Amino acid sequence: MKSFLTHLLTVLLPASGVSAGILNDFQVLYTENSVETKQLSIKLESVDDDVRFSVTLEDRESGIKRHHEFDGQGSSDPDPFLIARRYYCDTSVILLTVEYPWRHDLPQYVHVLDTFAFRASDLEFIDVTFGSVTDIALADDTVYTPSEFNMLPPIRVRCLLGNYAKPFEFFEQEAK
């Protein structure tokens, strides 16, 4: 019965302007400016007439709520695009990819994606990178076989040892 209801929500919600997906065994609902899971609520809002925007994260289980402001891409409010939970550099992380749906005639400029990393334990901001969460890999080459190097995504995560405020940073791997 539960799987039938999940399937029904997945079919009906997109028709109502809300999309749903399954991620790490929990339901994810996307609206125009928010992401909702059983544990987490994320809202994106415009600040300063599209020059800046805010991300408000709320952990429903612990009650922790954080509000962060960022510079935007300038012409549109960002929309939530993809959310993932990862474990990088001994830190549980929430990765949120946002899309800036630019109103532009050229197809290559229709949207821009940025991924923001937040520490899951206290919802503090860690780093941001250009691109989708699917373009990110751990920089530790010892976890990959040499045949995998050419297939790895271009954005990497570099651990910052001894830096408790920022456990890692994103960087773009140059082509070899």
N, C-alpha and C. Protein backbone atom coordinates (compact mmCIF):
# COMPACT_ATOMS: atom_id res chain seq x y z
N MET A 1 0.82 -1.19 0.00
CA MET A 1 0.00 0.00 0.00
C MET A 1 0.86 1.26 0.00
N LYS A 2 1.95 1.22 0.82
CA LYS A 2 2.84 2.38 0.89
C LYS A 2 3.49 2.67 -0.47
N SER A 3 3.93 1.62 -1.17
CA SER A 3 4.56 1.83 -2.47
C SER A 3 3.54 2.36 -3.49
N PHE A 4 2.28 1.93 -3.36
CA PHE A 4 1.23 2.44 -4.25
C PHE A 4 1.03 3.94 -4.02
N LEU A 5 0.99 4.37 -2.75
CA LEU A 5 0.82 5.80 -2.44
C LEU A 5 2.00 6.61 -2.92
N THR A 6 3.22 6.08 -2.75
CA THR A 6 4.41 6.77 -3.25
C THR A 6 4.34 6.93 -4.76
N HIS A 7 3.94 5.86 -5.44
CA HIS A 7 3.81 5.92 -6.90
C HIS A 7 2.73 6.92 -7.30
N LEU A 8 1.62 6.93 -6.58
CA LEU A 8 0.52 7.85 -6.88
C LEU A 8 0.98 9.30 -6.70
N LEU A 9 1.71 9.59 -5.62
CA LEU A 9 2.24 10.94 -5.41
C LEU A 9 3.20 11.33 -6.52
N THR A 10 4.05 10.39 -6.92
CA THR A 10 5.02 10.66 -7.97
C THR A 10 4.33 10.99 -9.29
N VAL A 11 3.18 10.37 -9.54
CA VAL A 11 2.44 10.62 -10.78
C VAL A 11 1.60 11.89 -10.68
N LEU A 12 0.92 12.10 -9.57
CA LEU A 12 -0.02 13.22 -9.46
C LEU A 12 0.64 14.56 -9.15
N LEU A 13 1.69 14.58 -8.35
CA LEU A 13 2.27 15.86 -7.94
C LEU A 13 2.86 16.66 -9.09
N PRO A 14 3.57 16.06 -10.07
CA PRO A 14 4.06 16.87 -11.17
C PRO A 14 2.95 17.59 -11.93
N ALA A 15 1.78 16.98 -12.02
CA ALA A 15 0.67 17.61 -12.72
C ALA A 15 0.16 18.85 -11.97
N SER A 16 0.43 18.91 -10.68
CA SER A 16 -0.02 20.05 -9.88
C SER A 16 1.07 21.10 -9.71
N GLY A 17 2.19 20.97 -10.42
CA GLY A 17 3.27 21.94 -10.32
C GLY A 17 4.29 21.59 -9.26
N VAL A 18 4.16 20.45 -8.61
CA VAL A 18 5.10 19.98 -7.60
C VAL A 18 5.69 18.67 -8.12
N SER A 19 7.01 18.53 -8.05
CA SER A 19 7.61 17.29 -8.50
C SER A 19 8.08 16.49 -7.30
N ALA A 20 8.13 15.19 -7.44
CA ALA A 20 8.53 14.32 -6.34
C ALA A 20 9.53 13.31 -6.84
N GLY A 21 10.41 12.88 -5.97
CA GLY A 21 11.38 11.86 -6.31
C GLY A 21 11.77 11.11 -5.05
N ILE A 22 12.39 9.97 -5.21
CA ILE A 22 12.84 9.20 -4.07
C ILE A 22 14.34 9.39 -3.96
N LEU A 23 14.80 9.74 -2.76
CA LEU A 23 16.22 9.99 -2.53
C LEU A 23 16.59 9.42 -1.17
N ASN A 24 17.49 8.47 -1.15
CA ASN A 24 17.96 7.89 0.11
C ASN A 24 16.81 7.44 1.00
N ASP A 25 15.85 6.74 0.44
CA ASP A 25 14.73 6.17 1.17
C ASP A 25 13.80 7.18 1.82
N PHE A 26 13.73 8.39 1.30
CA PHE A 26 12.72 9.32 1.79
C PHE A 26 12.18 10.16 0.65
N GLN A 27 10.96 10.62 0.83
CA GLN A 27 10.27 11.39 -0.20
C GLN A 27 10.81 12.81 -0.26
N VAL A 28 11.00 13.32 -1.47
CA VAL A 28 11.46 14.69 -1.68
C VAL A 28 10.42 15.40 -2.54
N LEU A 29 9.91 16.52 -2.06
CA LEU A 29 8.96 17.32 -2.81
C LEU A 29 9.60 18.64 -3.21
N TYR A 30 9.55 18.95 -4.50
CA TYR A 30 10.08 20.21 -5.01
C TYR A 30 8.92 21.12 -5.39
N THR A 31 8.95 22.35 -4.93
CA THR A 31 8.02 23.36 -5.42
C THR A 31 8.86 24.41 -6.13
N GLU A 32 8.24 25.48 -6.55
CA GLU A 32 8.97 26.49 -7.30
C GLU A 32 10.16 27.07 -6.53
N ASN A 33 10.00 27.25 -5.21
CA ASN A 33 11.10 27.85 -4.45
C ASN A 33 11.44 27.10 -3.17
N SER A 34 11.08 25.81 -3.07
CA SER A 34 11.41 25.07 -1.86
C SER A 34 11.62 23.59 -2.13
N VAL A 35 12.25 22.94 -1.15
CA VAL A 35 12.45 21.50 -1.15
C VAL A 35 11.99 21.02 0.21
N GLU A 36 11.20 19.95 0.23
CA GLU A 36 10.69 19.41 1.49
C GLU A 36 10.98 17.92 1.55
N THR A 37 11.56 17.49 2.67
CA THR A 37 11.69 16.07 2.97
C THR A 37 11.08 15.85 4.34
N LYS A 38 11.06 14.62 4.80
CA LYS A 38 10.52 14.34 6.12
C LYS A 38 11.30 15.08 7.20
N GLN A 39 12.61 15.17 7.03
CA GLN A 39 13.47 15.78 8.04
C GLN A 39 13.82 17.23 7.76
N LEU A 40 13.83 17.65 6.50
CA LEU A 40 14.44 18.92 6.13
C LEU A 40 13.50 19.78 5.29
N SER A 41 13.55 21.08 5.54
CA SER A 41 12.83 22.06 4.72
C SER A 41 13.84 23.10 4.25
N ILE A 42 13.85 23.38 2.94
CA ILE A 42 14.76 24.38 2.38
C ILE A 42 13.92 25.34 1.55
N LYS A 43 14.07 26.64 1.81
CA LYS A 43 13.35 27.67 1.05
C LYS A 43 14.34 28.64 0.43
N LEU A 44 14.11 28.99 -0.83
CA LEU A 44 14.92 29.98 -1.53
C LEU A 44 14.06 31.21 -1.76
N GLU A 45 14.60 32.39 -1.46
CA GLU A 45 13.84 33.62 -1.62
C GLU A 45 14.74 34.71 -2.17
N SER A 46 14.16 35.59 -2.95
CA SER A 46 14.88 36.72 -3.52
C SER A 46 15.14 37.77 -2.45
N VAL A 47 16.31 38.39 -2.52
CA VAL A 47 16.69 39.49 -1.63
C VAL A 47 17.28 40.57 -2.53
N ASP A 48 16.95 41.81 -2.31
CA ASP A 48 17.54 42.93 -3.06
C ASP A 48 17.29 42.84 -4.56
N ASP A 49 16.07 42.61 -4.98
CA ASP A 49 15.70 42.65 -6.40
C ASP A 49 16.61 41.81 -7.29
N ASP A 50 16.73 40.53 -7.00
CA ASP A 50 17.47 39.56 -7.81
C ASP A 50 18.99 39.69 -7.76
N VAL A 51 19.51 40.61 -6.97
CA VAL A 51 20.97 40.70 -6.86
C VAL A 51 21.46 39.65 -5.86
N ARG A 52 20.70 39.43 -4.82
CA ARG A 52 21.02 38.43 -3.80
C ARG A 52 19.80 37.54 -3.58
N PHE A 53 20.06 36.35 -3.04
CA PHE A 53 18.96 35.47 -2.65
C PHE A 53 19.35 34.79 -1.34
N SER A 54 18.34 34.25 -0.66
CA SER A 54 18.59 33.58 0.61
C SER A 54 18.19 32.12 0.52
N VAL A 55 18.87 31.31 1.32
CA VAL A 55 18.55 29.91 1.49
C VAL A 55 18.29 29.71 2.98
N THR A 56 17.09 29.26 3.32
CA THR A 56 16.75 29.00 4.71
C THR A 56 16.55 27.50 4.86
N LEU A 57 17.34 26.89 5.74
CA LEU A 57 17.28 25.46 5.99
C LEU A 57 16.73 25.24 7.38
N GLU A 58 15.83 24.26 7.52
CA GLU A 58 15.28 23.92 8.82
C GLU A 58 15.25 22.41 8.98
N ASP A 59 15.92 21.92 10.02
CA ASP A 59 15.91 20.51 10.37
C ASP A 59 14.72 20.28 11.30
N ARG A 60 13.72 19.58 10.82
CA ARG A 60 12.49 19.39 11.58
C ARG A 60 12.68 18.52 12.82
N GLU A 61 13.65 17.62 12.78
CA GLU A 61 13.87 16.74 13.93
C GLU A 61 14.58 17.45 15.07
N SER A 62 15.61 18.23 14.76
CA SER A 62 16.39 18.90 15.81
C SER A 62 15.90 20.31 16.11
N GLY A 63 15.14 20.90 15.18
CA GLY A 63 14.68 22.27 15.37
C GLY A 63 15.67 23.33 14.92
N ILE A 64 16.84 22.92 14.43
CA ILE A 64 17.86 23.87 13.97
C ILE A 64 17.37 24.56 12.71
N LYS A 65 17.54 25.88 12.66
CA LYS A 65 17.15 26.66 11.49
C LYS A 65 18.27 27.65 11.18
N ARG A 66 18.70 27.69 9.90
CA ARG A 66 19.77 28.59 9.46
C ARG A 66 19.33 29.35 8.22
N HIS A 67 19.74 30.60 8.16
CA HIS A 67 19.42 31.48 7.05
C HIS A 67 20.75 31.98 6.48
N HIS A 68 20.97 31.77 5.18
CA HIS A 68 22.20 32.21 4.52
C HIS A 68 21.82 33.06 3.32
N GLU A 69 22.61 34.11 3.04
CA GLU A 69 22.39 34.94 1.85
C GLU A 69 23.58 34.82 0.92
N PHE A 70 23.28 34.81 -0.39
CA PHE A 70 24.30 34.64 -1.42
C PHE A 70 24.07 35.62 -2.56
N ASP A 71 25.14 35.92 -3.29
CA ASP A 71 25.00 36.70 -4.52
C ASP A 71 24.37 35.80 -5.57
N GLY A 72 23.39 36.35 -6.31
CA GLY A 72 22.71 35.57 -7.33
C GLY A 72 23.35 35.75 -8.69
N GLN A 73 22.75 35.18 -9.69
CA GLN A 73 23.25 35.30 -11.06
C GLN A 73 22.68 36.53 -11.75
N GLY A 74 21.83 37.27 -11.08
CA GLY A 74 21.45 38.57 -11.58
C GLY A 74 20.12 38.74 -12.27
N SER A 75 19.63 37.76 -13.00
CA SER A 75 18.44 38.04 -13.79
C SER A 75 17.21 37.25 -13.37
N SER A 76 17.35 36.29 -12.49
CA SER A 76 16.20 35.48 -12.10
C SER A 76 16.38 34.95 -10.69
N ASP A 77 15.25 34.65 -10.06
CA ASP A 77 15.30 33.97 -8.77
C ASP A 77 15.71 32.53 -8.99
N PRO A 78 16.55 31.98 -8.12
CA PRO A 78 16.94 30.58 -8.29
C PRO A 78 15.83 29.63 -7.87
N ASP A 79 15.80 28.47 -8.49
CA ASP A 79 14.85 27.41 -8.16
C ASP A 79 15.63 26.20 -7.68
N PRO A 80 15.11 25.45 -6.70
CA PRO A 80 15.79 24.21 -6.31
C PRO A 80 15.74 23.21 -7.46
N PHE A 81 16.85 22.55 -7.71
CA PHE A 81 16.96 21.67 -8.87
C PHE A 81 17.23 20.22 -8.44
N LEU A 82 18.10 20.03 -7.44
CA LEU A 82 18.49 18.69 -7.02
C LEU A 82 19.04 18.76 -5.60
N ILE A 83 18.75 17.77 -4.78
CA ILE A 83 19.29 17.69 -3.42
C ILE A 83 19.88 16.31 -3.22
N ALA A 84 20.99 16.25 -2.48
CA ALA A 84 21.64 14.97 -2.20
C ALA A 84 22.33 15.05 -0.85
N ARG A 85 22.46 13.91 -0.22
CA ARG A 85 23.24 13.82 1.02
C ARG A 85 24.50 13.03 0.69
N ARG A 86 25.63 13.54 1.13
CA ARG A 86 26.91 12.89 0.89
C ARG A 86 27.72 12.90 2.19
N TYR A 87 28.79 12.14 2.19
CA TYR A 87 29.71 12.11 3.33
C TYR A 87 31.10 12.41 2.76
N TYR A 88 31.58 13.62 2.96
CA TYR A 88 32.89 14.04 2.47
C TYR A 88 33.76 14.47 3.65
N CYS A 89 35.00 14.01 3.66
CA CYS A 89 36.00 14.50 4.61
C CYS A 89 35.50 14.39 6.05
N ASP A 90 34.96 13.24 6.42
CA ASP A 90 34.43 12.97 7.76
C ASP A 90 33.29 13.90 8.15
N THR A 91 32.55 14.39 7.17
CA THR A 91 31.46 15.33 7.42
C THR A 91 30.23 14.91 6.62
N SER A 92 29.09 14.82 7.30
CA SER A 92 27.83 14.58 6.61
C SER A 92 27.38 15.90 5.99
N VAL A 93 27.04 15.86 4.70
CA VAL A 93 26.82 17.09 3.93
C VAL A 93 25.48 17.02 3.19
N ILE A 94 24.82 18.17 3.11
CA ILE A 94 23.64 18.34 2.26
C ILE A 94 24.08 19.17 1.07
N LEU A 95 23.90 18.64 -0.13
CA LEU A 95 24.25 19.35 -1.35
C LEU A 95 22.95 19.79 -2.03
N LEU A 96 22.84 21.08 -2.30
CA LEU A 96 21.65 21.64 -2.94
C LEU A 96 22.07 22.30 -4.24
N THR A 97 21.60 21.77 -5.36
CA THR A 97 21.84 22.40 -6.65
C THR A 97 20.66 23.30 -6.97
N VAL A 98 20.97 24.56 -7.29
CA VAL A 98 19.93 25.51 -7.66
C VAL A 98 20.10 25.89 -9.12
N GLU A 99 18.99 26.21 -9.74
CA GLU A 99 18.98 26.59 -11.15
C GLU A 99 18.55 28.04 -11.26
N TYR A 100 19.28 28.81 -12.06
CA TYR A 100 18.90 30.18 -12.37
C TYR A 100 18.27 30.17 -13.76
N PRO A 101 16.96 30.16 -13.84
CA PRO A 101 16.31 30.07 -15.17
C PRO A 101 16.32 31.42 -15.89
N TRP A 102 17.43 31.71 -16.50
CA TRP A 102 17.58 32.99 -17.20
C TRP A 102 16.57 33.09 -18.33
N ARG A 103 16.11 34.26 -18.57
CA ARG A 103 15.21 34.51 -19.69
C ARG A 103 16.06 35.02 -20.87
N HIS A 104 16.53 34.09 -21.65
CA HIS A 104 17.49 34.43 -22.71
C HIS A 104 17.13 33.66 -23.97
N ASP A 105 17.35 34.25 -25.13
CA ASP A 105 17.01 33.60 -26.39
C ASP A 105 17.97 32.48 -26.78
N LEU A 106 19.21 32.55 -26.33
CA LEU A 106 20.19 31.53 -26.70
C LEU A 106 20.08 30.33 -25.76
N PRO A 107 19.93 29.11 -26.29
CA PRO A 107 19.69 27.93 -25.46
C PRO A 107 20.82 27.66 -24.45
N GLN A 108 22.07 27.98 -24.80
CA GLN A 108 23.16 27.70 -23.86
C GLN A 108 23.13 28.61 -22.64
N TYR A 109 22.31 29.68 -22.68
CA TYR A 109 22.20 30.58 -21.54
C TYR A 109 20.85 30.51 -20.84
N VAL A 110 20.09 29.47 -21.12
CA VAL A 110 18.75 29.35 -20.54
C VAL A 110 18.84 29.10 -19.03
N HIS A 111 19.79 28.30 -18.59
CA HIS A 111 19.91 28.07 -17.15
C HIS A 111 21.37 27.90 -16.74
N VAL A 112 21.62 28.23 -15.49
CA VAL A 112 22.93 28.07 -14.89
C VAL A 112 22.70 27.30 -13.59
N LEU A 113 23.57 26.34 -13.29
CA LEU A 113 23.43 25.55 -12.07
C LEU A 113 24.59 25.82 -11.12
N ASP A 114 24.29 26.00 -9.85
CA ASP A 114 25.29 26.10 -8.79
C ASP A 114 24.92 25.09 -7.72
N THR A 115 25.94 24.49 -7.08
CA THR A 115 25.70 23.56 -5.98
C THR A 115 26.29 24.12 -4.70
N PHE A 116 25.45 24.21 -3.68
CA PHE A 116 25.82 24.73 -2.37
C PHE A 116 25.94 23.56 -1.40
N ALA A 117 26.99 23.55 -0.60
CA ALA A 117 27.20 22.50 0.40
C ALA A 117 26.96 23.06 1.79
N PHE A 118 26.17 22.33 2.57
CA PHE A 118 25.87 22.70 3.95
C PHE A 118 26.18 21.50 4.85
N ARG A 119 26.76 21.75 6.02
CA ARG A 119 27.03 20.69 6.98
C ARG A 119 25.69 20.22 7.54
N ALA A 120 25.44 18.92 7.52
CA ALA A 120 24.14 18.38 7.94
C ALA A 120 23.90 18.54 9.44
N SER A 121 24.95 18.53 10.24
CA SER A 121 24.77 18.57 11.70
C SER A 121 24.26 19.91 12.21
N ASP A 122 24.70 21.03 11.61
CA ASP A 122 24.28 22.35 12.09
C ASP A 122 23.79 23.27 10.97
N LEU A 123 23.69 22.75 9.74
CA LEU A 123 23.19 23.47 8.56
C LEU A 123 24.03 24.69 8.20
N GLU A 124 25.30 24.70 8.61
CA GLU A 124 26.20 25.80 8.26
C GLU A 124 26.70 25.64 6.83
N PHE A 125 26.90 26.76 6.15
CA PHE A 125 27.39 26.78 4.77
C PHE A 125 28.86 26.36 4.75
N ILE A 126 29.23 25.53 3.76
CA ILE A 126 30.62 25.10 3.60
C ILE A 126 31.25 25.72 2.36
N ASP A 127 30.66 25.49 1.18
CA ASP A 127 31.25 25.99 -0.06
C ASP A 127 30.22 25.92 -1.18
N VAL A 128 30.52 26.57 -2.30
CA VAL A 128 29.66 26.56 -3.48
C VAL A 128 30.52 26.30 -4.71
N THR A 129 29.94 25.63 -5.70
CA THR A 129 30.65 25.37 -6.95
C THR A 129 29.68 25.51 -8.12
N PHE A 130 30.22 25.85 -9.26
CA PHE A 130 29.42 25.94 -10.49
C PHE A 130 29.18 24.53 -10.99
N GLY A 131 27.93 24.18 -11.24
CA GLY A 131 27.59 22.87 -11.78
C GLY A 131 26.63 22.12 -10.87
N SER A 132 26.23 20.95 -11.34
CA SER A 132 25.26 20.12 -10.64
C SER A 132 25.94 19.18 -9.64
N VAL A 133 25.19 18.70 -8.68
CA VAL A 133 25.70 17.74 -7.71
C VAL A 133 26.22 16.48 -8.41
N THR A 134 25.70 16.16 -9.58
CA THR A 134 26.15 14.98 -10.32
C THR A 134 27.54 15.18 -10.93
N ASP A 135 28.06 16.41 -10.90
CA ASP A 135 29.39 16.70 -11.45
C ASP A 135 30.48 16.69 -10.39
N ILE A 136 30.20 16.16 -9.19
CA ILE A 136 31.12 16.25 -8.06
C ILE A 136 31.65 14.87 -7.69
N ALA A 137 32.98 14.79 -7.43
CA ALA A 137 33.62 13.56 -6.97
C ALA A 137 34.64 13.91 -5.89
N LEU A 138 34.94 12.96 -5.04
CA LEU A 138 35.96 13.15 -4.01
C LEU A 138 37.32 13.23 -4.68
N ALA A 139 38.18 14.14 -4.23
CA ALA A 139 39.48 14.35 -4.87
C ALA A 139 40.50 13.29 -4.51
N ASP A 140 40.25 12.49 -3.50
CA ASP A 140 41.20 11.48 -3.06
C ASP A 140 41.37 10.41 -4.13
N ASP A 141 42.44 10.49 -4.91
CA ASP A 141 42.66 9.55 -6.01
C ASP A 141 42.90 8.12 -5.54
N THR A 142 43.18 7.93 -4.25
CA THR A 142 43.42 6.57 -3.76
C THR A 142 42.14 5.74 -3.71
N VAL A 143 40.98 6.37 -3.79
CA VAL A 143 39.72 5.61 -3.76
C VAL A 143 39.26 5.18 -5.14
N TYR A 144 40.00 5.55 -6.17
CA TYR A 144 39.65 5.20 -7.54
C TYR A 144 40.73 4.33 -8.16
N THR A 145 40.34 3.52 -9.14
CA THR A 145 41.32 2.78 -9.92
C THR A 145 41.79 3.69 -11.06
N PRO A 146 43.00 3.50 -11.57
CA PRO A 146 43.50 4.37 -12.65
C PRO A 146 42.57 4.43 -13.86
N SER A 147 41.84 3.36 -14.15
CA SER A 147 40.94 3.36 -15.31
C SER A 147 39.74 4.28 -15.10
N GLU A 148 39.44 4.64 -13.85
CA GLU A 148 38.29 5.50 -13.56
C GLU A 148 38.60 6.99 -13.67
N PHE A 149 39.86 7.38 -13.68
CA PHE A 149 40.23 8.80 -13.65
C PHE A 149 39.60 9.61 -14.77
N ASN A 150 39.58 9.07 -15.99
CA ASN A 150 39.03 9.82 -17.12
C ASN A 150 37.51 9.92 -17.07
N MET A 151 36.86 9.07 -16.27
CA MET A 151 35.40 9.08 -16.18
C MET A 151 34.89 9.91 -14.99
N LEU A 152 35.78 10.41 -14.16
CA LEU A 152 35.36 11.16 -12.98
C LEU A 152 34.79 12.52 -13.36
N PRO A 153 33.84 13.01 -12.59
CA PRO A 153 33.28 14.34 -12.85
C PRO A 153 34.35 15.42 -12.71
N PRO A 154 34.15 16.58 -13.33
CA PRO A 154 35.17 17.64 -13.33
C PRO A 154 35.31 18.39 -12.01
N ILE A 155 34.28 18.39 -11.16
CA ILE A 155 34.35 19.11 -9.89
C ILE A 155 34.76 18.12 -8.82
N ARG A 156 35.77 18.49 -8.04
CA ARG A 156 36.27 17.60 -7.00
C ARG A 156 36.13 18.26 -5.63
N VAL A 157 36.18 17.42 -4.61
CA VAL A 157 36.15 17.85 -3.22
C VAL A 157 37.53 17.63 -2.63
N ARG A 158 38.16 18.69 -2.13
CA ARG A 158 39.48 18.61 -1.50
C ARG A 158 39.30 18.77 0.00
N CYS A 159 39.73 17.77 0.78
CA CYS A 159 39.63 17.85 2.24
C CYS A 159 40.64 18.86 2.77
N LEU A 160 40.21 19.65 3.75
CA LEU A 160 41.06 20.64 4.41
C LEU A 160 41.33 20.14 5.83
N LEU A 161 42.43 19.47 6.00
CA LEU A 161 42.75 18.86 7.29
C LEU A 161 43.03 19.94 8.34
N GLY A 162 42.47 19.76 9.50
CA GLY A 162 42.71 20.67 10.61
C GLY A 162 41.88 21.94 10.57
N ASN A 163 41.04 22.11 9.55
CA ASN A 163 40.20 23.31 9.46
C ASN A 163 38.77 22.90 9.80
N TYR A 164 38.38 23.10 11.05
CA TYR A 164 37.07 22.64 11.50
C TYR A 164 35.93 23.52 11.00
N ALA A 165 36.22 24.78 10.69
CA ALA A 165 35.16 25.66 10.17
C ALA A 165 34.76 25.26 8.76
N LYS A 166 35.72 24.80 7.98
CA LYS A 166 35.46 24.41 6.59
C LYS A 166 36.18 23.09 6.34
N PRO A 167 35.45 21.96 6.37
CA PRO A 167 36.10 20.65 6.25
C PRO A 167 36.60 20.33 4.83
N PHE A 168 36.05 21.01 3.81
CA PHE A 168 36.50 20.76 2.44
C PHE A 168 36.20 21.98 1.59
N GLU A 169 36.74 21.95 0.37
CA GLU A 169 36.44 22.96 -0.62
C GLU A 169 36.28 22.29 -1.98
N PHE A 170 35.53 22.94 -2.84
CA PHE A 170 35.37 22.45 -4.21
C PHE A 170 36.47 23.03 -5.09
N PHE A 171 36.91 22.28 -6.08
CA PHE A 171 37.81 22.79 -7.10
C PHE A 171 37.55 22.03 -8.38
N GLU A 172 37.97 22.63 -9.49
CA GLU A 172 37.77 21.97 -10.78
C GLU A 172 39.06 21.27 -11.18
N GLN A 173 38.93 19.99 -11.48
CA GLN A 173 40.09 19.18 -11.89
C GLN A 173 40.42 19.50 -13.33
N GLU A 174 41.67 19.85 -13.58
CA GLU A 174 42.10 20.11 -14.96
C GLU A 174 42.18 18.79 -15.73
N ALA A 175 41.86 18.85 -17.00
CA ALA A 175 41.92 17.65 -17.85
C ALA A 175 43.36 17.20 -17.98
N LYS A 176 43.58 15.87 -17.94
CA LYS A 176 44.93 15.33 -18.04
C LYS A 176 45.23 14.88 -19.45
